[in-house]
Amino acid sequence: MNDLSASSRITYGAVPVQPAVARRIRGLSDTALAWLFITPTMLLLLAINIFPLVWTIYLSFTNYRANRANAPVKWLGIDWYQTILTDPDIWAAMQVTAHFVFWTVAIETVLGFGLAFLIDKKFRGHGMWTTIILLPMMLSPAVVGNFWTFLYQPQIGLFNYVFAFLTGRSASSFQMLGDVTLSPWAIVIVDAWMWTPYVMLICLAGLRSIPDYIYEAAEVDRASKWRQFWSITLPMALPFIMLAVLFRGIENFKMFDMVNLLTGGGPGSTTEVASITLKRAAFESWRTGYSSAFAIILFVTVFGLANIYVKALNRVKSR
């Protein structure tokens, strides 16, 4: 009987007892709980993104070289920034980058919106065709680069043979990757082939968001299909188109892998975009301070242009 009473006291007495941690958590406010959950993520973000950025800014004012880590570090101030901004080779690389960004974004936007407009019609088998169109976007850049390098081969490449069949010229009479005039367009073609489906998806989301009753009201007013496109479809899908342009512009401004795989910046410096110049300065010449300053200039350029573009996008959305 005594044993039963003792066990009962132990059992019943243990019920209201809670761990100290549980009591503390219950006493926290909603704001404190929110900070408790987001603090690990913020610390991880600081470690991965913010600290490298701050460290890069510091290195951009020094003569630090990664291959001479034990050498004394000298403070140079803004010397690297002045050198970069007055270097004609840097401006040539920026011009190549601007050419690449403009034409890839323009082609991808036109083709992507056109494909989205066709897929939105929901014809028979549109789901299968949508999947087929999305296939290039699912491939890794390494696979796409090697695949198109083979297609561009002047002797055995399919691209040259198709072009020769359509024009009557010899397949070996030109080299897409070795010609000064054609090599930039070779990269534009590959990037457009790979990322047009991405733009198509964003534009398709915009087209699907347009209510049907607007088109029904336009048909009641006897508006033609052409009038409906310019007065309803294009204005209401414009924010999504601008969003696609923003995403692709940022990505193509920092393009590296595709250019490095296809041409490596050649022939000469014809396709040497800013990222290739940065890579050569950082990992071939080991000018870490110089490359850090160049990276900060590129970051400020992209951030400034994107900020201006986002303000224009918000104005379009508010109409």
Protein backbone atom coordinates (compact mmCIF):
# COMPACT_ATOMS: atom_id res chain seq x y z
CA MET A 1 0.00 0.00 0.00
CA ASN A 2 2.82 2.35 0.86
CA ASP A 3 4.57 1.48 -2.40
CA LEU A 4 1.40 2.23 -4.36
CA SER A 5 0.95 5.57 -2.63
CA ALA A 6 4.54 6.50 -3.30
CA SER A 7 4.28 5.59 -6.96
CA SER A 8 1.03 7.52 -7.24
CA ARG A 9 2.61 10.59 -5.72
CA ILE A 10 5.50 10.31 -8.16
CA THR A 11 3.18 9.86 -11.17
CA TYR A 12 0.73 12.60 -10.32
CA GLY A 13 3.42 14.94 -9.12
CA ALA A 14 5.36 14.66 -12.42
CA VAL A 15 2.46 15.81 -14.58
CA PRO A 16 2.51 19.56 -13.91
CA VAL A 17 6.28 19.72 -13.96
CA GLN A 18 7.60 21.23 -17.25
CA PRO A 19 11.19 21.66 -18.47
CA ALA A 20 12.74 25.05 -17.94
CA VAL A 21 13.18 25.60 -21.68
CA ALA A 22 9.48 24.98 -22.37
CA ARG A 23 8.46 27.45 -19.68
CA ARG A 24 10.78 30.10 -21.13
CA ILE A 25 9.46 29.60 -24.67
CA ARG A 26 5.88 29.93 -23.47
CA GLY A 27 6.76 33.20 -21.84
CA LEU A 28 8.15 34.73 -25.04
CA SER A 29 6.16 37.21 -27.10
CA ASP A 30 5.33 36.71 -30.77
CA THR A 31 8.06 39.15 -31.76
CA ALA A 32 10.64 37.30 -29.69
CA LEU A 33 9.58 33.97 -31.21
CA ALA A 34 9.87 35.43 -34.70
CA TRP A 35 13.40 36.63 -33.97
CA LEU A 36 14.23 33.23 -32.48
CA PHE A 37 13.33 31.50 -35.74
CA ILE A 38 14.89 33.96 -38.20
CA THR A 39 18.15 34.58 -36.32
CA PRO A 40 19.90 31.37 -37.57
CA THR A 41 18.95 32.26 -41.16
CA MET A 42 20.21 35.81 -40.74
CA LEU A 43 23.50 34.59 -39.29
CA LEU A 44 23.90 32.17 -42.22
CA LEU A 45 23.13 34.98 -44.67
CA LEU A 46 25.72 37.21 -43.01
CA ALA A 47 28.33 34.45 -43.17
CA ILE A 48 27.70 33.54 -46.81
CA ASN A 49 26.84 36.88 -48.44
CA ILE A 50 27.51 39.94 -46.32
CA PHE A 51 30.93 39.03 -44.94
CA PRO A 52 32.44 38.16 -48.37
CA LEU A 53 31.09 41.45 -49.74
CA VAL A 54 32.64 43.46 -46.91
CA TRP A 55 35.90 41.55 -47.27
CA THR A 56 35.95 42.20 -51.02
CA ILE A 57 35.42 45.91 -50.43
CA TYR A 58 38.37 45.93 -48.06
CA LEU A 59 40.62 44.05 -50.50
CA SER A 60 39.73 46.48 -53.28
CA PHE A 61 41.67 49.20 -51.43
CA THR A 62 44.83 47.10 -50.98
CA ASN A 63 47.55 45.44 -53.06
CA TYR A 64 46.67 41.99 -51.71
CA ARG A 65 47.50 38.97 -53.90
CA ALA A 66 45.98 35.58 -53.15
CA ASN A 67 49.13 33.74 -54.29
CA ARG A 68 51.23 35.80 -51.88
CA ALA A 69 49.15 35.60 -48.74
CA ASN A 70 52.12 36.18 -46.42
CA ALA A 71 53.31 39.32 -48.22
CA PRO A 72 52.71 42.64 -46.44
CA VAL A 73 49.43 44.28 -47.43
CA LYS A 74 49.66 47.91 -48.51
CA TRP A 75 46.75 50.34 -48.44
CA LEU A 76 46.25 51.90 -51.90
CA GLY A 77 43.06 53.87 -51.43
CA ILE A 78 41.08 54.31 -54.66
CA ASP A 79 44.05 53.68 -56.98
CA TRP A 80 42.56 50.45 -58.36
CA TYR A 81 39.24 52.15 -59.08
CA GLN A 82 40.97 54.94 -60.99
CA THR A 83 43.03 52.40 -62.93
CA ILE A 84 39.98 50.35 -63.88
CA LEU A 85 37.79 53.28 -64.89
CA THR A 86 40.52 54.66 -67.16
CA ASP A 87 41.51 51.32 -68.71
CA PRO A 88 40.37 51.03 -72.37
CA ASP A 89 40.42 47.22 -72.15
CA ILE A 90 37.88 47.33 -69.33
CA TRP A 91 35.59 49.57 -71.35
CA ALA A 92 35.97 47.24 -74.33
CA ALA A 93 34.90 44.31 -72.13
CA MET A 94 31.94 46.31 -70.86
CA GLN A 95 30.95 47.11 -74.44
CA VAL A 96 31.05 43.42 -75.34
CA THR A 97 28.95 42.66 -72.26
CA ALA A 98 26.39 45.32 -73.18
CA HIS A 99 26.15 43.93 -76.73
CA PHE A 100 25.63 40.43 -75.38
CA VAL A 101 23.00 41.51 -72.82
CA PHE A 102 21.03 43.64 -75.28
CA TRP A 103 20.71 41.07 -78.04
CA THR A 104 20.10 38.03 -75.84
CA VAL A 105 17.42 39.79 -73.80
CA ALA A 106 15.76 41.23 -76.91
CA ILE A 107 15.65 37.89 -78.75
CA GLU A 108 14.56 35.92 -75.69
CA THR A 109 11.81 38.40 -74.88
CA VAL A 110 10.34 38.40 -78.40
CA LEU A 111 10.57 34.63 -78.84
CA GLY A 112 9.48 33.88 -75.27
CA PHE A 113 6.40 36.09 -75.48
CA GLY A 114 5.53 34.67 -78.89
CA LEU A 115 5.75 31.09 -77.62
CA ALA A 116 3.73 31.99 -74.52
CA PHE A 117 1.05 33.58 -76.70
CA LEU A 118 0.80 30.39 -78.77
CA ILE A 119 0.83 28.02 -75.78
CA ASP A 120 -1.88 30.09 -74.07
CA LYS A 121 -4.31 29.13 -76.85
CA LYS A 122 -4.52 25.63 -75.30
CA PHE A 123 -4.53 23.72 -78.56
CA ARG A 124 -4.46 19.95 -78.68
CA GLY A 125 -1.20 18.63 -77.26
CA HIS A 126 -0.12 22.00 -75.85
CA GLY A 127 1.04 20.29 -72.63
CA MET A 128 3.42 18.01 -74.51
CA TRP A 129 4.81 20.90 -76.58
CA THR A 130 5.28 22.98 -73.44
CA THR A 131 7.38 20.21 -71.91
CA ILE A 132 9.47 19.88 -75.07
CA ILE A 133 10.08 23.63 -75.21
CA LEU A 134 11.21 23.63 -71.57
CA LEU A 135 13.85 20.93 -72.10
CA PRO A 136 16.80 23.28 -72.89
CA MET A 137 16.24 25.17 -69.65
CA MET A 138 16.53 21.92 -67.66
CA LEU A 139 20.05 21.19 -68.92
CA SER A 140 23.16 22.35 -67.11
CA PRO A 141 25.34 25.03 -68.78
CA ALA A 142 28.23 22.56 -69.02
CA VAL A 143 26.11 20.14 -71.04
CA VAL A 144 24.73 22.91 -73.26
CA GLY A 145 28.20 24.37 -73.87
CA ASN A 146 29.73 21.05 -74.90
CA PHE A 147 26.67 20.16 -76.97
CA TRP A 148 26.76 23.40 -78.99
CA THR A 149 30.54 23.28 -79.33
CA PHE A 150 30.03 20.00 -81.18
CA LEU A 151 27.19 21.48 -83.27
CA TYR A 152 29.39 24.44 -84.26
CA GLN A 153 32.27 22.27 -85.53
CA PRO A 154 32.94 23.31 -89.16
CA GLN A 155 33.71 19.78 -90.37
CA ILE A 156 31.15 17.59 -88.59
CA GLY A 157 28.84 20.08 -86.89
CA LEU A 158 25.13 19.93 -87.70
CA PHE A 159 24.75 23.73 -87.59
CA ASN A 160 27.15 24.28 -90.50
CA TYR A 161 25.54 21.54 -92.56
CA VAL A 162 22.03 22.97 -92.07
CA PHE A 163 23.26 26.44 -92.97
CA ALA A 164 25.06 25.05 -96.04
CA PHE A 165 21.89 23.20 -97.12
CA LEU A 166 19.82 26.40 -96.87
CA THR A 167 22.33 28.77 -98.50
CA GLY A 168 24.31 26.54 -100.84
CA ARG A 169 27.66 27.52 -99.26
CA SER A 170 30.26 24.99 -98.22
CA ALA A 171 29.86 23.73 -94.64
CA SER A 172 33.55 24.28 -93.91
CA SER A 173 33.64 27.80 -95.36
CA PHE A 174 32.99 29.47 -92.00
CA GLN A 175 33.54 28.85 -88.28
CA MET A 176 30.97 30.10 -85.83
CA LEU A 177 33.35 29.98 -82.86
CA GLY A 178 36.53 30.97 -84.70
CA ASP A 179 35.31 33.93 -86.70
CA VAL A 180 35.62 37.41 -85.22
CA THR A 181 32.25 38.49 -86.60
CA LEU A 182 30.28 35.29 -85.97
CA SER A 183 31.57 34.23 -82.55
CA PRO A 184 29.54 36.82 -80.55
CA TRP A 185 26.39 35.75 -82.38
CA ALA A 186 27.19 32.10 -81.72
CA ILE A 187 26.98 32.78 -77.98
CA VAL A 188 23.78 34.81 -78.42
CA ILE A 189 22.16 31.89 -80.27
CA VAL A 190 23.08 29.39 -77.57
CA ASP A 191 21.88 31.59 -74.72
CA ALA A 192 18.61 32.34 -76.53
CA TRP A 193 18.08 28.63 -77.20
CA MET A 194 18.62 27.77 -73.54
CA TRP A 195 16.75 30.58 -71.76
CA THR A 196 13.88 31.52 -74.06
CA PRO A 197 11.72 28.87 -72.31
CA TYR A 198 12.33 30.68 -69.01
CA VAL A 199 10.99 33.93 -70.44
CA MET A 200 8.10 31.97 -71.95
CA LEU A 201 7.08 30.67 -68.52
CA ILE A 202 6.99 34.15 -66.99
CA CYS A 203 5.04 35.58 -69.94
CA LEU A 204 2.66 32.61 -69.88
CA ALA A 205 1.93 33.32 -66.21
CA GLY A 206 1.09 36.91 -67.18
CA LEU A 207 -1.21 35.83 -70.00
CA ARG A 208 -3.00 33.30 -67.80
CA SER A 209 -3.61 36.00 -65.17
CA ILE A 210 -5.76 38.09 -67.55
CA PRO A 211 -9.47 37.51 -66.72
CA ASP A 212 -11.63 36.09 -69.50
CA TYR A 213 -14.45 38.56 -68.90
CA ILE A 214 -12.26 41.39 -70.23
CA TYR A 215 -11.98 39.65 -73.60
CA GLU A 216 -15.71 38.88 -73.50
CA ALA A 217 -16.48 42.56 -72.94
CA ALA A 218 -14.15 43.47 -75.82
CA GLU A 219 -15.95 41.03 -78.12
CA VAL A 220 -19.29 42.57 -77.15
CA ASP A 221 -17.84 45.94 -78.20
CA ARG A 222 -16.80 44.28 -81.50
CA ALA A 223 -13.09 44.81 -80.92
CA SER A 224 -10.91 42.90 -83.37
CA LYS A 225 -8.30 40.38 -82.26
CA TRP A 226 -5.58 42.85 -83.20
CA ARG A 227 -7.24 45.54 -81.10
CA GLN A 228 -7.64 43.16 -78.18
CA PHE A 229 -3.94 42.30 -78.34
CA TRP A 230 -2.75 45.92 -78.23
CA SER A 231 -5.36 47.18 -75.77
CA ILE A 232 -5.72 44.22 -73.38
CA THR A 233 -3.14 41.47 -73.80
CA LEU A 234 0.06 43.46 -74.15
CA PRO A 235 -0.65 46.14 -71.48
CA MET A 236 -1.75 43.58 -68.87
CA ALA A 237 1.16 41.24 -69.60
CA LEU A 238 3.71 44.07 -69.71
CA PRO A 239 4.70 43.85 -66.00
CA PHE A 240 5.51 40.16 -66.45
CA ILE A 241 7.49 40.89 -69.61
CA MET A 242 9.46 43.58 -67.79
CA LEU A 243 10.09 41.17 -64.92
CA ALA A 244 11.50 38.61 -67.35
CA VAL A 245 13.72 41.29 -68.90
CA LEU A 246 15.00 42.20 -65.42
CA PHE A 247 15.86 38.62 -64.50
CA ARG A 248 17.55 37.82 -67.80
CA GLY A 249 19.39 41.14 -67.90
CA ILE A 250 20.93 40.55 -64.47
CA GLU A 251 21.88 36.97 -65.29
CA ASN A 252 23.39 37.80 -68.67
CA PHE A 253 25.34 40.74 -67.30
CA LYS A 254 27.28 38.31 -65.12
CA MET A 255 27.41 35.54 -67.75
CA PHE A 256 30.57 33.45 -67.46
CA ASP A 257 30.10 29.72 -67.89
CA MET A 258 28.67 29.69 -71.42
CA VAL A 259 31.26 32.13 -72.80
CA ASN A 260 34.08 30.27 -71.07
CA LEU A 261 32.94 26.92 -72.48
CA LEU A 262 32.30 28.08 -76.05
CA THR A 263 35.04 30.61 -76.82
CA GLY A 264 36.97 31.36 -73.63
CA GLY A 265 36.73 35.03 -74.57
CA GLY A 266 38.21 34.58 -78.03
CA PRO A 267 39.03 34.82 -80.82
CA GLY A 268 41.29 37.52 -79.45
CA SER A 269 39.07 39.50 -77.10
CA THR A 270 35.99 39.52 -79.31
CA THR A 271 33.80 37.69 -76.79
CA GLU A 272 35.65 38.72 -73.63
CA VAL A 273 32.80 39.84 -71.42
CA ALA A 274 33.38 41.52 -68.05
CA SER A 275 33.23 38.24 -66.11
CA ILE A 276 36.00 36.72 -68.26
CA THR A 277 38.17 39.79 -67.67
CA LEU A 278 37.50 39.52 -63.94
CA LYS A 279 38.40 35.84 -63.91
CA ARG A 280 41.68 36.43 -65.74
CA ALA A 281 42.67 39.23 -63.37
CA ALA A 282 41.78 37.21 -60.27
CA PHE A 283 42.96 33.68 -61.10
CA GLU A 284 45.50 34.08 -63.89
CA SER A 285 47.29 37.33 -63.01
CA TRP A 286 46.49 36.93 -59.28
CA ARG A 287 45.72 40.64 -58.93
CA THR A 288 43.29 40.10 -56.08
CA GLY A 289 42.98 43.74 -55.05
CA TYR A 290 42.46 44.83 -58.66
CA SER A 291 39.87 42.14 -59.34
CA SER A 292 38.07 42.96 -56.07
CA ALA A 293 37.73 46.59 -57.15
CA PHE A 294 36.46 45.49 -60.56
CA ALA A 295 33.93 43.16 -58.89
CA ILE A 296 32.64 46.03 -56.73
CA ILE A 297 32.27 48.24 -59.81
CA LEU A 298 30.27 45.52 -61.56
CA PHE A 299 28.12 45.03 -58.46
CA VAL A 300 27.37 48.75 -58.16
CA THR A 301 26.57 48.91 -61.90
CA VAL A 302 24.12 46.01 -61.79
CA PHE A 303 22.57 47.18 -58.53
CA GLY A 304 22.10 50.74 -59.80
CA LEU A 305 20.61 49.74 -63.14
CA ALA A 306 18.34 47.15 -61.51
CA ASN A 307 17.13 49.71 -58.98
CA ILE A 308 16.22 52.18 -61.72
CA TYR A 309 14.49 49.44 -63.69
CA VAL A 310 12.49 48.25 -60.67
CA LYS A 311 11.19 51.79 -60.13
CA ALA A 312 10.01 51.85 -63.76
CA LEU A 313 8.43 48.41 -63.26
CA ASN A 314 6.53 49.62 -60.19
CA ARG A 315 5.19 52.58 -62.18
CA VAL A 316 3.89 50.22 -64.86
CA LYS A 317 2.23 48.03 -62.21
CA SER A 318 0.53 50.99 -60.57
CA ARG A 319 -1.22 52.08 -63.78
